[in-house]
Amino acid sequence: MSFEVDERVVHPKHGVGRVVKLESKQVGPGSERLYYRVALSKGTIWVPVEGSPGGLRKLTAKGDLGQYRRLLRSRPTPLSSNHRQRQLELLERMKQSSFRARCEVVRDLSALSWHKPLGESVAALLRAAHGVLDEEWAAAEGLSVHEATREVEALLQEGKQTYME
């Protein structure tokens, strides 16, 4: 997937950014490679143009948020009761780096937390997934991150009321 300068993008670990420019860099031994220079709210990252873009993708379109609202309100997918298996499944879903996968992980882990306290590693995964989800939601919808977080939480609560009763 290629990106244009000034295009808004999402990195799975670093969140929403903007492609500032293409630049040649030599990172470690070997020849120079072409990288996207991506400006984030907390710094800058360089993502290789050739090969795997490291999960970098285009920002979700505002018009697509309706389907994600429905997804966040939908019945959660049950997670494995085996801690190790659950962790592996969640990490595999997070590798997908799609907005859909992020919404599903936040929905499913939130639902799990309604039944029992989350362990430290799973709680950290939920916080990280929620943070990137909220940031992208805000960018796509034109809201502040705080407003987006409130909307996502309200959608999750609607789902909880529907499926927990």
Protein backbone atom coordinates (compact mmCIF):
# COMPACT_ATOMS: atom_id res chain seq x y z
CA MET A 1 0.00 0.00 0.00
CA SER A 2 1.38 3.40 -0.87
CA PHE A 3 0.70 6.68 0.87
CA GLU A 4 0.84 10.28 -0.28
CA VAL A 5 2.58 13.14 1.46
CA ASP A 6 0.14 14.85 3.86
CA GLU A 7 -2.07 11.76 4.05
CA ARG A 8 -3.34 10.74 7.50
CA VAL A 9 -2.32 7.23 8.47
CA VAL A 10 -2.51 4.88 11.46
CA HIS A 11 0.36 2.88 12.90
CA PRO A 12 -0.76 -0.07 15.07
CA LYS A 13 1.52 0.81 17.99
CA HIS A 14 1.96 4.56 17.63
CA GLY A 15 -1.52 5.67 16.53
CA VAL A 16 -2.59 8.41 14.14
CA GLY A 17 -0.06 10.42 12.21
CA ARG A 18 0.52 12.28 8.97
CA VAL A 19 2.96 11.36 6.21
CA VAL A 20 5.32 14.33 6.17
CA LYS A 21 7.57 13.23 3.32
CA LEU A 22 9.43 10.42 1.64
CA GLU A 23 13.11 10.32 2.45
CA SER A 24 16.10 8.09 1.89
CA LYS A 25 17.80 6.77 5.00
CA GLN A 26 20.42 4.22 5.82
CA VAL A 27 19.41 2.35 8.94
CA GLY A 28 22.10 -0.10 10.00
CA PRO A 29 24.34 -1.85 7.51
CA GLY A 30 23.35 -1.95 3.87
CA SER A 31 22.18 0.48 1.27
CA GLU A 32 19.82 3.38 1.71
CA ARG A 33 16.12 2.69 1.62
CA LEU A 34 13.12 4.90 1.04
CA TYR A 35 10.98 5.62 4.12
CA TYR A 36 7.75 7.41 4.91
CA ARG A 37 8.45 10.01 7.55
CA VAL A 38 5.33 10.02 9.73
CA ALA A 39 4.68 12.80 12.24
CA LEU A 40 2.77 11.68 15.33
CA SER A 41 1.49 13.65 18.29
CA LYS A 42 4.37 12.22 20.35
CA GLY A 43 7.22 12.27 17.84
CA THR A 44 8.23 10.94 14.45
CA ILE A 45 8.61 7.45 13.02
CA TRP A 46 10.09 6.21 9.76
CA VAL A 47 8.30 3.37 8.00
CA PRO A 48 9.90 1.57 5.03
CA VAL A 49 8.18 2.14 1.70
CA GLU A 50 9.29 -1.23 0.27
CA GLY A 51 8.19 -4.48 1.81
CA SER A 52 5.90 -4.65 4.80
CA PRO A 53 4.75 -1.20 5.92
CA GLY A 54 4.69 -2.41 9.53
CA GLY A 55 0.91 -2.28 9.79
CA LEU A 56 0.72 1.31 8.56
CA ARG A 57 -2.67 1.91 6.96
CA LYS A 58 -4.97 4.68 5.86
CA LEU A 59 -7.15 6.42 8.44
CA THR A 60 -10.65 4.95 8.69
CA ALA A 61 -13.16 7.01 6.73
CA LYS A 62 -15.79 8.95 8.68
CA GLY A 63 -18.49 7.28 6.58
CA ASP A 64 -17.39 3.86 7.83
CA LEU A 65 -17.88 4.67 11.53
CA GLY A 66 -21.54 3.59 11.45
CA GLN A 67 -20.58 -0.05 10.97
CA TYR A 68 -18.08 0.23 13.84
CA ARG A 69 -20.72 1.76 16.09
CA ARG A 70 -22.85 -1.33 15.44
CA LEU A 71 -19.85 -3.58 16.04
CA LEU A 72 -19.05 -1.98 19.42
CA ARG A 73 -22.70 -2.44 20.48
CA SER A 74 -22.82 -6.04 19.21
CA ARG A 75 -22.59 -9.25 21.21
CA PRO A 76 -18.99 -9.83 22.35
CA THR A 77 -17.13 -12.86 21.07
CA PRO A 78 -16.37 -15.20 23.97
CA LEU A 79 -12.66 -15.42 24.76
CA SER A 80 -10.78 -18.54 25.78
CA SER A 81 -10.85 -19.26 29.51
CA ASN A 82 -7.22 -20.40 29.21
CA HIS A 83 -5.10 -17.32 29.98
CA ARG A 84 -2.22 -18.31 27.70
CA GLN A 85 -4.50 -19.21 24.78
CA ARG A 86 -6.53 -16.00 25.25
CA GLN A 87 -3.35 -13.90 25.21
CA LEU A 88 -2.14 -15.57 21.99
CA GLU A 89 -5.52 -15.09 20.30
CA LEU A 90 -5.70 -11.43 21.29
CA LEU A 91 -2.15 -10.71 20.12
CA GLU A 92 -2.91 -12.41 16.80
CA ARG A 93 -6.02 -10.26 16.37
CA MET A 94 -4.03 -7.12 17.20
CA LYS A 95 -1.46 -8.00 14.52
CA GLN A 96 -4.20 -7.57 11.93
CA SER A 97 -3.92 -3.85 12.63
CA SER A 98 -7.35 -3.16 11.13
CA PHE A 99 -9.83 -0.79 12.72
CA ARG A 100 -12.34 -3.65 12.82
CA ALA A 101 -9.93 -5.88 14.75
CA ARG A 102 -9.18 -3.07 17.19
CA CYS A 103 -12.92 -2.50 17.80
CA GLU A 104 -13.49 -6.23 18.35
CA VAL A 105 -10.62 -6.52 20.83
CA VAL A 106 -11.85 -3.49 22.80
CA ARG A 107 -15.44 -4.82 22.80
CA ASP A 108 -14.44 -8.35 23.83
CA LEU A 109 -11.96 -7.34 26.53
CA SER A 110 -14.37 -4.77 27.92
CA ALA A 111 -17.02 -7.49 28.15
CA LEU A 112 -14.56 -9.80 29.90
CA SER A 113 -13.82 -7.05 32.44
CA TRP A 114 -17.54 -6.82 33.28
CA HIS A 115 -17.40 -10.41 34.56
CA LYS A 116 -14.06 -10.40 36.35
CA PRO A 117 -11.02 -8.19 36.91
CA LEU A 118 -8.49 -8.38 34.09
CA GLY A 119 -4.95 -9.54 34.72
CA GLU A 120 -2.20 -6.99 34.34
CA SER A 121 -1.09 -8.01 30.83
CA VAL A 122 -4.64 -8.20 29.46
CA ALA A 123 -5.57 -4.88 31.10
CA ALA A 124 -2.49 -3.29 29.48
CA LEU A 125 -3.53 -4.70 26.11
CA LEU A 126 -7.03 -3.27 26.55
CA ARG A 127 -5.65 0.17 27.48
CA ALA A 128 -3.33 0.19 24.45
CA ALA A 129 -6.04 -0.99 22.04
CA HIS A 130 -8.55 1.48 23.47
CA GLY A 131 -6.06 4.34 23.23
CA VAL A 132 -5.31 3.80 19.54
CA LEU A 133 -9.00 3.15 18.80
CA ASP A 134 -10.05 6.38 20.53
CA GLU A 135 -7.35 8.39 18.78
CA GLU A 136 -8.34 7.09 15.35
CA TRP A 137 -12.05 7.52 16.11
CA ALA A 138 -11.39 11.14 17.05
CA ALA A 139 -9.39 11.80 13.89
CA ALA A 140 -11.98 10.16 11.62
CA GLU A 141 -14.97 11.84 13.29
CA GLY A 142 -13.36 15.24 13.86
CA LEU A 143 -13.66 15.07 17.65
CA SER A 144 -11.27 15.48 20.53
CA VAL A 145 -9.83 12.22 21.86
CA HIS A 146 -11.79 12.79 25.08
CA GLU A 147 -15.07 13.09 23.13
CA ALA A 148 -14.24 10.00 21.08
CA THR A 149 -13.45 8.03 24.25
CA ARG A 150 -16.82 9.01 25.71
CA GLU A 151 -18.63 7.93 22.53
CA VAL A 152 -16.83 4.57 22.39
CA GLU A 153 -17.55 3.95 26.08
CA ALA A 154 -21.23 4.83 25.57
CA LEU A 155 -21.44 2.34 22.67
CA LEU A 156 -19.84 -0.37 24.79
CA GLN A 157 -22.30 0.37 27.61
CA GLU A 158 -25.23 0.05 25.19
CA GLY A 159 -23.93 -3.37 24.22
CA LYS A 160 -23.49 -4.30 27.86
CA GLN A 161 -27.09 -3.40 28.66
CA THR A 162 -28.34 -5.41 25.71
CA TYR A 163 -26.29 -8.56 26.23
CA MET A 164 -25.72 -8.66 29.98
CA GLU A 165 -29.41 -8.63 30.92
